[in-house]
Amino acid sequence: MDSVRSEPHYEPHPAPRREDLPQAVKILVAGGFGAGKTTLVGAVSEITPFHTEETLTRSGIGIDDTEGVEGKSTTTVAMDFGRITIHDRLDLFLFGTPGQDRFWFMWDELAAGALCAVVLADTRRLAASFPAVDYFERRGLPFVVAVNSFDDARIYPPETVRAALDLDPGIPVLLCDARHRDSVKSVLVATVEHVLATEAL
């Protein structure tokens, strides 16, 4: 993986106090096509997740970039939605964005009212993460990068991913498995803690 700059030093912020946490938080889950956003929402949601998946058809040939995810047969065309209760003072509402650039016009509506975001990255197609990173940087919406550990993907240290994506030092880079509830829950808790620590600066 090519690096675009030297690795910056990152000091984690102290965890926020429980009494500082809001009661409900809207979190966007964004990333490239096939990064695992639908899987992530489904793995952690306490309710039956709402999906707007459609079967990929021949009409998408030449439009959707499926390089590296040729086995994918469905795609999100509007959003995914799920909910998880962290504890009695914190409910998270998850909104997964569509990954293809032809559906990016929906991101502004999905982002309305969101406190923060998770950019789900796939190291097999890391360049597909740049649009989501750029979008949240432009909006000033706090986010973390969660690297989804696909079985056939090479595992890179978070510092390598940070450098390759040219992220600011304060943006956490986490490793996760979008199929496993505990792994996803850890990412979501870290995302909320990152927001609260950032706002406390």
N, C-alpha and C. Protein backbone atom coordinates (compact mmCIF):
# COMPACT_ATOMS: atom_id res chain seq x y z
N MET A 1 0.85 -1.19 0.00
CA MET A 1 0.00 0.00 0.00
C MET A 1 0.88 1.24 0.00
N ASP A 2 0.63 2.13 -0.93
CA ASP A 2 1.45 3.33 -1.04
C ASP A 2 1.06 4.35 0.00
N SER A 3 2.03 4.98 0.63
CA SER A 3 1.78 6.05 1.58
C SER A 3 1.97 7.38 0.90
N VAL A 4 1.17 8.36 1.26
CA VAL A 4 1.25 9.66 0.63
C VAL A 4 1.92 10.69 1.53
N ARG A 5 2.17 10.32 2.80
CA ARG A 5 2.89 11.21 3.68
C ARG A 5 3.39 10.42 4.87
N SER A 6 4.28 11.00 5.67
CA SER A 6 4.79 10.31 6.84
C SER A 6 3.69 10.16 7.88
N GLU A 7 3.81 9.15 8.71
CA GLU A 7 2.78 8.83 9.68
C GLU A 7 2.75 9.84 10.81
N PRO A 8 1.61 10.50 11.05
CA PRO A 8 1.52 11.45 12.16
C PRO A 8 1.30 10.72 13.47
N HIS A 9 1.60 11.39 14.55
CA HIS A 9 1.40 10.81 15.87
C HIS A 9 -0.01 11.09 16.35
N TYR A 10 -0.67 10.08 16.91
CA TYR A 10 -2.05 10.23 17.38
C TYR A 10 -2.13 9.87 18.85
N GLU A 11 -2.60 10.83 19.64
CA GLU A 11 -2.84 10.60 21.05
C GLU A 11 -4.34 10.42 21.28
N PRO A 12 -4.78 9.26 21.76
CA PRO A 12 -6.22 9.07 21.98
C PRO A 12 -6.74 10.00 23.06
N HIS A 13 -7.97 10.46 22.87
CA HIS A 13 -8.60 11.32 23.86
C HIS A 13 -9.14 10.48 25.02
N PRO A 14 -9.23 11.04 26.21
CA PRO A 14 -9.83 10.29 27.32
C PRO A 14 -11.29 9.99 27.04
N ALA A 15 -11.75 8.85 27.53
CA ALA A 15 -13.15 8.46 27.31
C ALA A 15 -14.07 9.44 28.02
N PRO A 16 -15.20 9.78 27.40
CA PRO A 16 -16.15 10.71 28.04
C PRO A 16 -16.86 10.05 29.20
N ARG A 17 -17.38 10.85 30.09
CA ARG A 17 -18.16 10.33 31.20
C ARG A 17 -19.53 9.90 30.69
N ARG A 18 -20.10 8.89 31.32
CA ARG A 18 -21.41 8.37 30.88
C ARG A 18 -22.48 9.45 30.93
N GLU A 19 -22.41 10.33 31.95
CA GLU A 19 -23.45 11.35 32.08
C GLU A 19 -23.39 12.39 30.97
N ASP A 20 -22.28 12.43 30.21
CA ASP A 20 -22.16 13.38 29.11
C ASP A 20 -22.81 12.87 27.83
N LEU A 21 -23.16 11.60 27.78
CA LEU A 21 -23.65 11.01 26.55
C LEU A 21 -25.09 11.44 26.26
N PRO A 22 -25.40 11.73 24.98
CA PRO A 22 -26.78 12.05 24.63
C PRO A 22 -27.64 10.79 24.66
N GLN A 23 -28.96 10.97 24.57
CA GLN A 23 -29.87 9.83 24.65
C GLN A 23 -30.01 9.10 23.32
N ALA A 24 -29.94 9.79 22.22
CA ALA A 24 -30.07 9.16 20.90
C ALA A 24 -29.12 9.83 19.94
N VAL A 25 -28.47 9.03 19.12
CA VAL A 25 -27.46 9.54 18.20
C VAL A 25 -27.69 8.92 16.82
N LYS A 26 -27.66 9.75 15.80
CA LYS A 26 -27.73 9.28 14.42
C LYS A 26 -26.30 9.18 13.87
N ILE A 27 -25.96 8.00 13.37
CA ILE A 27 -24.63 7.76 12.82
C ILE A 27 -24.77 7.28 11.38
N LEU A 28 -24.00 7.89 10.50
CA LEU A 28 -23.95 7.42 9.12
C LEU A 28 -22.88 6.34 8.99
N VAL A 29 -23.15 5.35 8.16
CA VAL A 29 -22.16 4.33 7.82
C VAL A 29 -21.94 4.44 6.32
N ALA A 30 -20.76 4.91 5.94
CA ALA A 30 -20.47 5.19 4.54
C ALA A 30 -19.24 4.40 4.11
N GLY A 31 -18.96 4.47 2.82
CA GLY A 31 -17.80 3.77 2.29
C GLY A 31 -18.05 3.36 0.86
N GLY A 32 -17.07 2.72 0.29
CA GLY A 32 -17.15 2.32 -1.10
C GLY A 32 -18.12 1.17 -1.34
N PHE A 33 -18.41 0.96 -2.60
CA PHE A 33 -19.28 -0.13 -3.04
C PHE A 33 -18.68 -1.46 -2.59
N GLY A 34 -19.47 -2.27 -1.87
CA GLY A 34 -19.01 -3.58 -1.45
C GLY A 34 -18.14 -3.60 -0.21
N ALA A 35 -18.06 -2.48 0.53
CA ALA A 35 -17.20 -2.42 1.71
C ALA A 35 -17.78 -3.16 2.90
N GLY A 36 -19.08 -3.44 2.89
CA GLY A 36 -19.70 -4.19 3.98
C GLY A 36 -20.65 -3.39 4.84
N LYS A 37 -21.16 -2.27 4.31
CA LYS A 37 -22.03 -1.39 5.10
C LYS A 37 -23.33 -2.09 5.49
N THR A 38 -23.97 -2.76 4.55
CA THR A 38 -25.22 -3.47 4.84
C THR A 38 -24.99 -4.58 5.85
N THR A 39 -23.87 -5.28 5.71
CA THR A 39 -23.52 -6.34 6.65
C THR A 39 -23.32 -5.78 8.05
N LEU A 40 -22.64 -4.64 8.15
CA LEU A 40 -22.39 -4.01 9.45
C LEU A 40 -23.69 -3.65 10.15
N VAL A 41 -24.58 -2.98 9.43
CA VAL A 41 -25.85 -2.58 10.04
C VAL A 41 -26.64 -3.81 10.48
N GLY A 42 -26.68 -4.82 9.65
CA GLY A 42 -27.43 -6.02 9.98
C GLY A 42 -26.84 -6.80 11.14
N ALA A 43 -25.52 -6.76 11.29
CA ALA A 43 -24.86 -7.53 12.35
C ALA A 43 -25.15 -6.99 13.73
N VAL A 44 -25.36 -5.67 13.83
CA VAL A 44 -25.45 -5.05 15.15
C VAL A 44 -26.87 -4.61 15.52
N SER A 45 -27.77 -4.51 14.55
CA SER A 45 -29.09 -3.94 14.82
C SER A 45 -29.94 -4.86 15.70
N GLU A 46 -30.59 -4.25 16.69
CA GLU A 46 -31.50 -4.99 17.57
C GLU A 46 -32.86 -5.21 16.92
N ILE A 47 -33.19 -4.39 15.97
CA ILE A 47 -34.44 -4.55 15.24
C ILE A 47 -34.13 -5.18 13.89
N THR A 48 -35.15 -5.68 13.23
CA THR A 48 -34.94 -6.18 11.88
C THR A 48 -34.51 -5.01 11.00
N PRO A 49 -33.30 -5.04 10.48
CA PRO A 49 -32.82 -3.87 9.74
C PRO A 49 -33.61 -3.64 8.47
N PHE A 50 -33.73 -2.37 8.13
CA PHE A 50 -34.41 -1.98 6.89
C PHE A 50 -33.35 -1.84 5.81
N HIS A 51 -33.52 -2.56 4.73
CA HIS A 51 -32.56 -2.51 3.63
C HIS A 51 -33.28 -2.12 2.34
N THR A 52 -32.57 -1.44 1.46
CA THR A 52 -33.11 -1.14 0.14
C THR A 52 -32.16 -1.73 -0.90
N GLU A 53 -31.98 -3.03 -0.79
CA GLU A 53 -31.07 -3.72 -1.71
C GLU A 53 -31.82 -4.16 -2.96
N GLU A 54 -31.14 -4.03 -4.08
CA GLU A 54 -31.66 -4.51 -5.35
C GLU A 54 -30.60 -5.39 -6.01
N THR A 55 -31.05 -6.30 -6.84
CA THR A 55 -30.13 -7.18 -7.56
C THR A 55 -29.39 -6.39 -8.63
N LEU A 56 -28.08 -6.61 -8.68
CA LEU A 56 -27.30 -5.98 -9.74
C LEU A 56 -27.73 -6.56 -11.09
N THR A 57 -27.88 -5.68 -12.06
CA THR A 57 -28.32 -6.11 -13.38
C THR A 57 -27.30 -5.69 -14.43
N ARG A 58 -27.53 -6.14 -15.65
CA ARG A 58 -26.62 -5.81 -16.75
C ARG A 58 -26.62 -4.31 -17.04
N SER A 59 -27.68 -3.60 -16.62
CA SER A 59 -27.74 -2.16 -16.89
C SER A 59 -26.67 -1.39 -16.12
N GLY A 60 -26.13 -2.02 -15.08
CA GLY A 60 -25.09 -1.36 -14.31
C GLY A 60 -23.70 -1.57 -14.85
N ILE A 61 -23.56 -2.41 -15.86
CA ILE A 61 -22.25 -2.67 -16.45
C ILE A 61 -21.71 -1.38 -17.06
N GLY A 62 -20.48 -1.05 -16.70
CA GLY A 62 -19.88 0.18 -17.21
C GLY A 62 -20.20 1.40 -16.38
N ILE A 63 -21.12 1.24 -15.42
CA ILE A 63 -21.49 2.36 -14.54
C ILE A 63 -20.98 2.10 -13.12
N ASP A 64 -21.31 0.92 -12.57
CA ASP A 64 -20.86 0.57 -11.22
C ASP A 64 -19.48 -0.09 -11.30
N ASP A 65 -18.57 0.36 -10.44
CA ASP A 65 -17.23 -0.20 -10.39
C ASP A 65 -17.23 -1.42 -9.49
N THR A 66 -17.21 -2.61 -10.09
CA THR A 66 -17.26 -3.85 -9.32
C THR A 66 -15.91 -4.54 -9.26
N GLU A 67 -14.85 -3.87 -9.67
CA GLU A 67 -13.52 -4.48 -9.62
C GLU A 67 -13.16 -4.81 -8.18
N GLY A 68 -12.79 -6.07 -7.95
CA GLY A 68 -12.45 -6.51 -6.62
C GLY A 68 -13.62 -7.09 -5.85
N VAL A 69 -14.84 -6.85 -6.30
CA VAL A 69 -16.04 -7.39 -5.64
C VAL A 69 -16.96 -8.00 -6.70
N GLU A 70 -16.35 -8.73 -7.62
CA GLU A 70 -17.11 -9.28 -8.74
C GLU A 70 -18.19 -10.26 -8.29
N GLY A 71 -18.05 -10.86 -7.12
CA GLY A 71 -19.04 -11.81 -6.64
C GLY A 71 -20.25 -11.17 -5.99
N LYS A 72 -20.25 -9.86 -5.86
CA LYS A 72 -21.38 -9.17 -5.22
C LYS A 72 -22.58 -9.18 -6.16
N SER A 73 -23.76 -9.57 -5.64
CA SER A 73 -24.94 -9.71 -6.50
C SER A 73 -26.03 -8.68 -6.20
N THR A 74 -25.92 -7.96 -5.07
CA THR A 74 -26.92 -6.97 -4.73
C THR A 74 -26.24 -5.66 -4.37
N THR A 75 -27.04 -4.58 -4.34
CA THR A 75 -26.50 -3.27 -3.99
C THR A 75 -27.56 -2.44 -3.29
N THR A 76 -27.12 -1.58 -2.37
CA THR A 76 -28.03 -0.66 -1.69
C THR A 76 -28.32 0.53 -2.59
N VAL A 77 -29.59 0.82 -2.81
CA VAL A 77 -29.95 1.91 -3.71
C VAL A 77 -30.50 3.13 -2.99
N ALA A 78 -30.77 3.02 -1.70
CA ALA A 78 -31.25 4.18 -0.95
C ALA A 78 -30.53 4.28 0.38
N MET A 79 -30.80 3.32 1.27
CA MET A 79 -30.13 3.33 2.57
C MET A 79 -30.37 2.01 3.28
N ASP A 80 -29.58 1.78 4.34
CA ASP A 80 -29.84 0.75 5.33
C ASP A 80 -30.18 1.46 6.63
N PHE A 81 -30.99 0.83 7.46
CA PHE A 81 -31.32 1.44 8.74
C PHE A 81 -31.36 0.36 9.82
N GLY A 82 -30.75 0.68 10.96
CA GLY A 82 -30.79 -0.21 12.11
C GLY A 82 -30.67 0.58 13.39
N ARG A 83 -30.87 -0.09 14.51
CA ARG A 83 -30.79 0.56 15.82
C ARG A 83 -30.14 -0.37 16.82
N ILE A 84 -29.32 0.22 17.70
CA ILE A 84 -28.71 -0.55 18.78
C ILE A 84 -28.71 0.29 20.05
N THR A 85 -29.04 -0.35 21.17
CA THR A 85 -28.98 0.30 22.47
C THR A 85 -27.65 -0.03 23.12
N ILE A 86 -26.85 1.00 23.41
CA ILE A 86 -25.56 0.78 24.04
C ILE A 86 -25.74 0.58 25.54
N HIS A 87 -26.51 1.43 26.18
CA HIS A 87 -26.95 1.26 27.56
C HIS A 87 -28.17 2.14 27.75
N ASP A 88 -28.62 2.32 29.00
CA ASP A 88 -29.91 2.97 29.21
C ASP A 88 -29.91 4.45 28.86
N ARG A 89 -28.74 5.02 28.56
CA ARG A 89 -28.68 6.44 28.20
C ARG A 89 -28.28 6.67 26.74
N LEU A 90 -28.10 5.62 25.97
CA LEU A 90 -27.60 5.83 24.62
C LEU A 90 -28.17 4.83 23.63
N ASP A 91 -28.96 5.34 22.68
CA ASP A 91 -29.44 4.57 21.53
C ASP A 91 -28.76 5.11 20.28
N LEU A 92 -28.29 4.21 19.43
CA LEU A 92 -27.67 4.61 18.18
C LEU A 92 -28.58 4.22 17.02
N PHE A 93 -28.85 5.19 16.14
CA PHE A 93 -29.61 4.94 14.92
C PHE A 93 -28.65 4.98 13.75
N LEU A 94 -28.55 3.87 13.04
CA LEU A 94 -27.55 3.71 11.98
C LEU A 94 -28.20 3.87 10.61
N PHE A 95 -27.60 4.71 9.80
CA PHE A 95 -28.05 4.93 8.44
C PHE A 95 -26.90 4.60 7.48
N GLY A 96 -27.04 3.52 6.76
CA GLY A 96 -26.02 3.14 5.79
C GLY A 96 -26.28 3.81 4.46
N THR A 97 -25.25 4.41 3.89
CA THR A 97 -25.38 5.12 2.61
C THR A 97 -25.14 4.16 1.45
N PRO A 98 -25.69 4.47 0.29
CA PRO A 98 -25.35 3.69 -0.91
C PRO A 98 -23.91 3.98 -1.32
N GLY A 99 -23.24 2.98 -1.87
CA GLY A 99 -21.82 3.13 -2.18
C GLY A 99 -21.50 3.65 -3.56
N GLN A 100 -22.37 3.39 -4.54
CA GLN A 100 -22.04 3.80 -5.91
C GLN A 100 -22.18 5.31 -6.08
N ASP A 101 -21.32 5.87 -6.91
CA ASP A 101 -21.34 7.32 -7.08
C ASP A 101 -22.63 7.82 -7.72
N ARG A 102 -23.37 6.96 -8.44
CA ARG A 102 -24.62 7.43 -9.04
C ARG A 102 -25.71 7.67 -8.00
N PHE A 103 -25.49 7.23 -6.74
CA PHE A 103 -26.45 7.47 -5.66
C PHE A 103 -25.94 8.47 -4.63
N TRP A 104 -24.82 9.12 -4.89
CA TRP A 104 -24.26 10.05 -3.91
C TRP A 104 -25.16 11.25 -3.65
N PHE A 105 -26.07 11.55 -4.58
CA PHE A 105 -26.96 12.70 -4.37
C PHE A 105 -27.81 12.53 -3.12
N MET A 106 -27.94 11.30 -2.61
CA MET A 106 -28.77 11.04 -1.43
C MET A 106 -28.03 11.32 -0.13
N TRP A 107 -26.71 11.49 -0.19
CA TRP A 107 -25.94 11.59 1.04
C TRP A 107 -26.32 12.82 1.86
N ASP A 108 -26.61 13.95 1.21
CA ASP A 108 -26.93 15.16 1.95
C ASP A 108 -28.18 14.95 2.82
N GLU A 109 -29.18 14.28 2.27
CA GLU A 109 -30.39 14.03 3.04
C GLU A 109 -30.13 13.05 4.18
N LEU A 110 -29.35 12.03 3.92
CA LEU A 110 -29.04 11.06 4.96
C LEU A 110 -28.19 11.69 6.06
N ALA A 111 -27.35 12.65 5.71
CA ALA A 111 -26.45 13.26 6.68
C ALA A 111 -27.15 14.27 7.59
N ALA A 112 -28.34 14.72 7.22
CA ALA A 112 -29.05 15.72 8.02
C ALA A 112 -29.31 15.17 9.42
N GLY A 113 -28.85 15.91 10.42
CA GLY A 113 -29.07 15.51 11.81
C GLY A 113 -28.11 14.49 12.35
N ALA A 114 -27.15 14.04 11.54
CA ALA A 114 -26.19 13.04 12.01
C ALA A 114 -25.15 13.68 12.93
N LEU A 115 -24.78 12.98 13.98
CA LEU A 115 -23.76 13.46 14.90
C LEU A 115 -22.37 13.11 14.40
N CYS A 116 -22.25 11.98 13.70
CA CYS A 116 -20.94 11.50 13.30
C CYS A 116 -21.11 10.41 12.25
N ALA A 117 -19.98 9.86 11.80
CA ALA A 117 -20.03 8.85 10.74
C ALA A 117 -18.92 7.83 10.93
N VAL A 118 -19.15 6.66 10.36
CA VAL A 118 -18.14 5.62 10.23
C VAL A 118 -17.86 5.43 8.75
N VAL A 119 -16.61 5.58 8.35
CA VAL A 119 -16.21 5.27 6.98
C VAL A 119 -15.67 3.85 7.00
N LEU A 120 -16.40 2.94 6.37
CA LEU A 120 -15.99 1.54 6.34
C LEU A 120 -15.07 1.34 5.14
N ALA A 121 -13.85 0.90 5.41
CA ALA A 121 -12.83 0.79 4.37
C ALA A 121 -12.53 -0.68 4.06
N ASP A 122 -12.22 -0.93 2.81
CA ASP A 122 -11.83 -2.25 2.32
C ASP A 122 -10.44 -2.09 1.72
N THR A 123 -9.43 -2.74 2.31
CA THR A 123 -8.06 -2.54 1.82
C THR A 123 -7.84 -3.11 0.43
N ARG A 124 -8.75 -3.94 -0.07
CA ARG A 124 -8.64 -4.42 -1.44
C ARG A 124 -9.00 -3.33 -2.44
N ARG A 125 -9.77 -2.34 -1.97
CA ARG A 125 -10.23 -1.24 -2.83
C ARG A 125 -10.19 0.05 -2.01
N LEU A 126 -9.02 0.36 -1.46
CA LEU A 126 -8.94 1.47 -0.51
C LEU A 126 -9.30 2.81 -1.15
N ALA A 127 -9.01 2.97 -2.43
CA ALA A 127 -9.32 4.24 -3.10
C ALA A 127 -10.81 4.55 -3.07
N ALA A 128 -11.65 3.51 -2.94
CA ALA A 128 -13.10 3.73 -2.88
C ALA A 128 -13.52 4.43 -1.60
N SER A 129 -12.60 4.54 -0.62
CA SER A 129 -12.92 5.23 0.64
C SER A 129 -12.76 6.74 0.53
N PHE A 130 -12.00 7.22 -0.45
CA PHE A 130 -11.70 8.64 -0.54
C PHE A 130 -12.95 9.52 -0.66
N PRO A 131 -13.96 9.17 -1.47
CA PRO A 131 -15.14 10.05 -1.56
C PRO A 131 -15.82 10.26 -0.22
N ALA A 132 -15.95 9.21 0.59
CA ALA A 132 -16.59 9.35 1.90
C ALA A 132 -15.73 10.20 2.83
N VAL A 133 -14.42 9.97 2.84
CA VAL A 133 -13.53 10.78 3.67
C VAL A 133 -13.63 12.25 3.26
N ASP A 134 -13.56 12.52 1.96
CA ASP A 134 -13.65 13.89 1.48
C ASP A 134 -14.99 14.53 1.85
N TYR A 135 -16.06 13.76 1.72
CA TYR A 135 -17.40 14.30 2.00
C TYR A 135 -17.51 14.75 3.46
N PHE A 136 -17.09 13.92 4.39
CA PHE A 136 -17.24 14.26 5.80
C PHE A 136 -16.25 15.35 6.21
N GLU A 137 -15.09 15.38 5.60
CA GLU A 137 -14.17 16.48 5.87
C GLU A 137 -14.76 17.81 5.42
N ARG A 138 -15.37 17.82 4.25
CA ARG A 138 -15.97 19.07 3.74
C ARG A 138 -17.15 19.51 4.60
N ARG A 139 -17.94 18.57 5.08
CA ARG A 139 -19.10 18.90 5.92
C ARG A 139 -18.71 19.25 7.36
N GLY A 140 -17.50 18.90 7.74
CA GLY A 140 -17.09 19.10 9.12
C GLY A 140 -17.76 18.13 10.08
N LEU A 141 -18.17 16.97 9.56
CA LEU A 141 -18.83 15.96 10.38
C LEU A 141 -17.76 15.01 10.93
N PRO A 142 -17.65 14.86 12.25
CA PRO A 142 -16.64 13.95 12.81
C PRO A 142 -16.85 12.52 12.31
N PHE A 143 -15.74 11.82 12.08
CA PHE A 143 -15.85 10.44 11.61
C PHE A 143 -14.63 9.64 12.05
N VAL A 144 -14.81 8.33 12.02
CA VAL A 144 -13.70 7.41 12.21
C VAL A 144 -13.62 6.54 10.95
N VAL A 145 -12.48 5.93 10.75
CA VAL A 145 -12.32 4.96 9.66
C VAL A 145 -12.22 3.58 10.28
N ALA A 146 -13.11 2.67 9.87
CA ALA A 146 -13.10 1.29 10.33
C ALA A 146 -12.71 0.39 9.17
N VAL A 147 -11.62 -0.31 9.29
CA VAL A 147 -11.13 -1.19 8.23
C VAL A 147 -11.77 -2.55 8.39
N ASN A 148 -12.59 -2.93 7.43
CA ASN A 148 -13.29 -4.21 7.47
C ASN A 148 -12.34 -5.34 7.12
N SER A 149 -12.27 -6.35 7.98
CA SER A 149 -11.31 -7.45 7.80
C SER A 149 -11.93 -8.56 6.95
N PHE A 150 -11.83 -8.42 5.64
CA PHE A 150 -12.31 -9.47 4.74
C PHE A 150 -11.33 -10.65 4.79
N ASP A 151 -11.87 -11.85 4.59
CA ASP A 151 -11.05 -13.05 4.69
C ASP A 151 -9.91 -13.06 3.67
N ASP A 152 -10.16 -12.51 2.48
CA ASP A 152 -9.15 -12.56 1.42
C ASP A 152 -8.37 -11.25 1.30
N ALA A 153 -8.48 -10.37 2.30
CA ALA A 153 -7.79 -9.08 2.24
C ALA A 153 -6.56 -9.10 3.14
N ARG A 154 -5.52 -8.44 2.68
CA ARG A 154 -4.32 -8.31 3.49
C ARG A 154 -4.60 -7.34 4.65
N ILE A 155 -4.11 -7.68 5.83
CA ILE A 155 -4.31 -6.84 7.00
C ILE A 155 -3.14 -5.86 7.12
N TYR A 156 -3.48 -4.57 7.17
CA TYR A 156 -2.47 -3.52 7.34
C TYR A 156 -2.63 -2.88 8.71
N PRO A 157 -1.54 -2.42 9.31
CA PRO A 157 -1.66 -1.69 10.58
C PRO A 157 -2.46 -0.41 10.37
N PRO A 158 -3.19 0.04 11.40
CA PRO A 158 -3.96 1.28 11.27
C PRO A 158 -3.10 2.47 10.82
N GLU A 159 -1.85 2.53 11.24
CA GLU A 159 -0.99 3.64 10.86
C GLU A 159 -0.74 3.67 9.36
N THR A 160 -0.66 2.50 8.74
CA THR A 160 -0.46 2.43 7.29
C THR A 160 -1.69 2.91 6.55
N VAL A 161 -2.87 2.50 7.04
CA VAL A 161 -4.12 2.94 6.42
C VAL A 161 -4.27 4.45 6.58
N ARG A 162 -3.94 4.97 7.75
CA ARG A 162 -4.04 6.41 8.00
C ARG A 162 -3.19 7.20 7.00
N ALA A 163 -1.97 6.74 6.80
CA ALA A 163 -1.08 7.43 5.88
C ALA A 163 -1.58 7.33 4.44
N ALA A 164 -2.07 6.16 4.05
CA ALA A 164 -2.54 5.97 2.68
C ALA A 164 -3.76 6.83 2.38
N LEU A 165 -4.61 7.05 3.38
CA LEU A 165 -5.81 7.89 3.20
C LEU A 165 -5.54 9.36 3.52
N ASP A 166 -4.32 9.67 3.95
CA ASP A 166 -3.92 11.05 4.25
C ASP A 166 -4.86 11.67 5.28
N LEU A 167 -5.09 10.94 6.36
CA LEU A 167 -6.03 11.39 7.39
C LEU A 167 -5.34 12.32 8.38
N ASP A 168 -6.12 13.23 8.94
CA ASP A 168 -5.62 14.08 10.01
C ASP A 168 -5.26 13.21 11.22
N PRO A 169 -4.32 13.67 12.04
CA PRO A 169 -3.86 12.86 13.18
C PRO A 169 -4.97 12.49 14.16
N GLY A 170 -5.98 13.34 14.29
CA GLY A 170 -7.01 13.09 15.30
C GLY A 170 -8.10 12.14 14.89
N ILE A 171 -8.07 11.63 13.67
CA ILE A 171 -9.13 10.73 13.21
C ILE A 171 -8.76 9.29 13.53
N PRO A 172 -9.53 8.62 14.37
CA PRO A 172 -9.20 7.23 14.72
C PRO A 172 -9.33 6.30 13.52
N VAL A 173 -8.41 5.34 13.44
CA VAL A 173 -8.47 4.25 12.45
C VAL A 173 -8.54 2.95 13.24
N LEU A 174 -9.62 2.20 13.00
CA LEU A 174 -9.90 0.99 13.78
C LEU A 174 -9.99 -0.21 12.86
N LEU A 175 -9.67 -1.38 13.37
CA LEU A 175 -9.87 -2.63 12.65
C LEU A 175 -11.16 -3.28 13.15
N CYS A 176 -11.93 -3.85 12.24
CA CYS A 176 -13.18 -4.48 12.66
C CYS A 176 -13.55 -5.60 11.72
N ASP A 177 -14.52 -6.39 12.14
CA ASP A 177 -15.14 -7.40 11.30
C ASP A 177 -16.62 -7.08 11.26
N ALA A 178 -17.10 -6.59 10.13
CA ALA A 178 -18.47 -6.12 10.01
C ALA A 178 -19.50 -7.24 10.19
N ARG A 179 -19.07 -8.47 10.22
CA ARG A 179 -19.99 -9.59 10.41
C ARG A 179 -20.29 -9.87 11.87
N HIS A 180 -19.45 -9.33 12.77
CA HIS A 180 -19.54 -9.70 14.18
C HIS A 180 -20.05 -8.53 15.02
N ARG A 181 -21.10 -8.80 15.78
CA ARG A 181 -21.78 -7.76 16.56
C ARG A 181 -20.83 -7.05 17.52
N ASP A 182 -20.04 -7.80 18.29
CA ASP A 182 -19.18 -7.17 19.29
C ASP A 182 -18.15 -6.26 18.64
N SER A 183 -17.62 -6.68 17.51
CA SER A 183 -16.64 -5.86 16.80
C SER A 183 -17.26 -4.56 16.32
N VAL A 184 -18.46 -4.65 15.75
CA VAL A 184 -19.16 -3.46 15.25
C VAL A 184 -19.53 -2.55 16.41
N LYS A 185 -20.01 -3.14 17.50
CA LYS A 185 -20.39 -2.33 18.66
C LYS A 185 -19.20 -1.55 19.19
N SER A 186 -18.02 -2.16 19.22
CA SER A 186 -16.82 -1.45 19.68
C SER A 186 -16.51 -0.26 18.80
N VAL A 187 -16.68 -0.42 17.49
CA VAL A 187 -16.45 0.69 16.56
C VAL A 187 -17.43 1.83 16.83
N LEU A 188 -18.69 1.50 17.04
CA LEU A 188 -19.70 2.53 17.25
C LEU A 188 -19.47 3.29 18.56
N VAL A 189 -19.11 2.57 19.60
CA VAL A 189 -18.82 3.23 20.87
C VAL A 189 -17.61 4.15 20.71
N ALA A 190 -16.58 3.68 20.03
CA ALA A 190 -15.39 4.51 19.80
C ALA A 190 -15.73 5.74 18.98
N THR A 191 -16.68 5.62 18.06
CA THR A 191 -17.07 6.76 17.23
C THR A 191 -17.73 7.84 18.08
N VAL A 192 -18.66 7.44 18.95
CA VAL A 192 -19.33 8.42 19.81
C VAL A 192 -18.33 9.04 20.78
N GLU A 193 -17.44 8.24 21.32
CA GLU A 193 -16.42 8.79 22.23
C GLU A 193 -15.52 9.78 21.51
N HIS A 194 -15.20 9.51 20.26
CA HIS A 194 -14.38 10.44 19.47
C HIS A 194 -15.08 11.77 19.31
N VAL A 195 -16.38 11.74 19.02
CA VAL A 195 -17.14 12.98 18.85
C VAL A 195 -17.15 13.78 20.15
N LEU A 196 -17.45 13.14 21.25
CA LEU A 196 -17.54 13.83 22.51
C LEU A 196 -16.19 14.40 22.94
N ALA A 197 -15.13 13.64 22.71
CA ALA A 197 -13.81 14.15 23.05
C ALA A 197 -13.42 15.33 22.17
N THR A 198 -13.83 15.29 20.88
CA THR A 198 -13.53 16.38 19.97
C THR A 198 -14.27 17.65 20.39
N GLU A 199 -15.55 17.50 20.76
CA GLU A 199 -16.33 18.65 21.17
C GLU A 199 -15.83 19.25 22.48
N ALA A 200 -15.13 18.43 23.29
CA ALA A 200 -14.64 18.93 24.57
C ALA A 200 -13.37 19.75 24.43
N LEU A 201 -12.75 19.70 23.23
CA LEU A 201 -11.49 20.44 23.03
C LEU A 201 -11.74 21.95 23.03
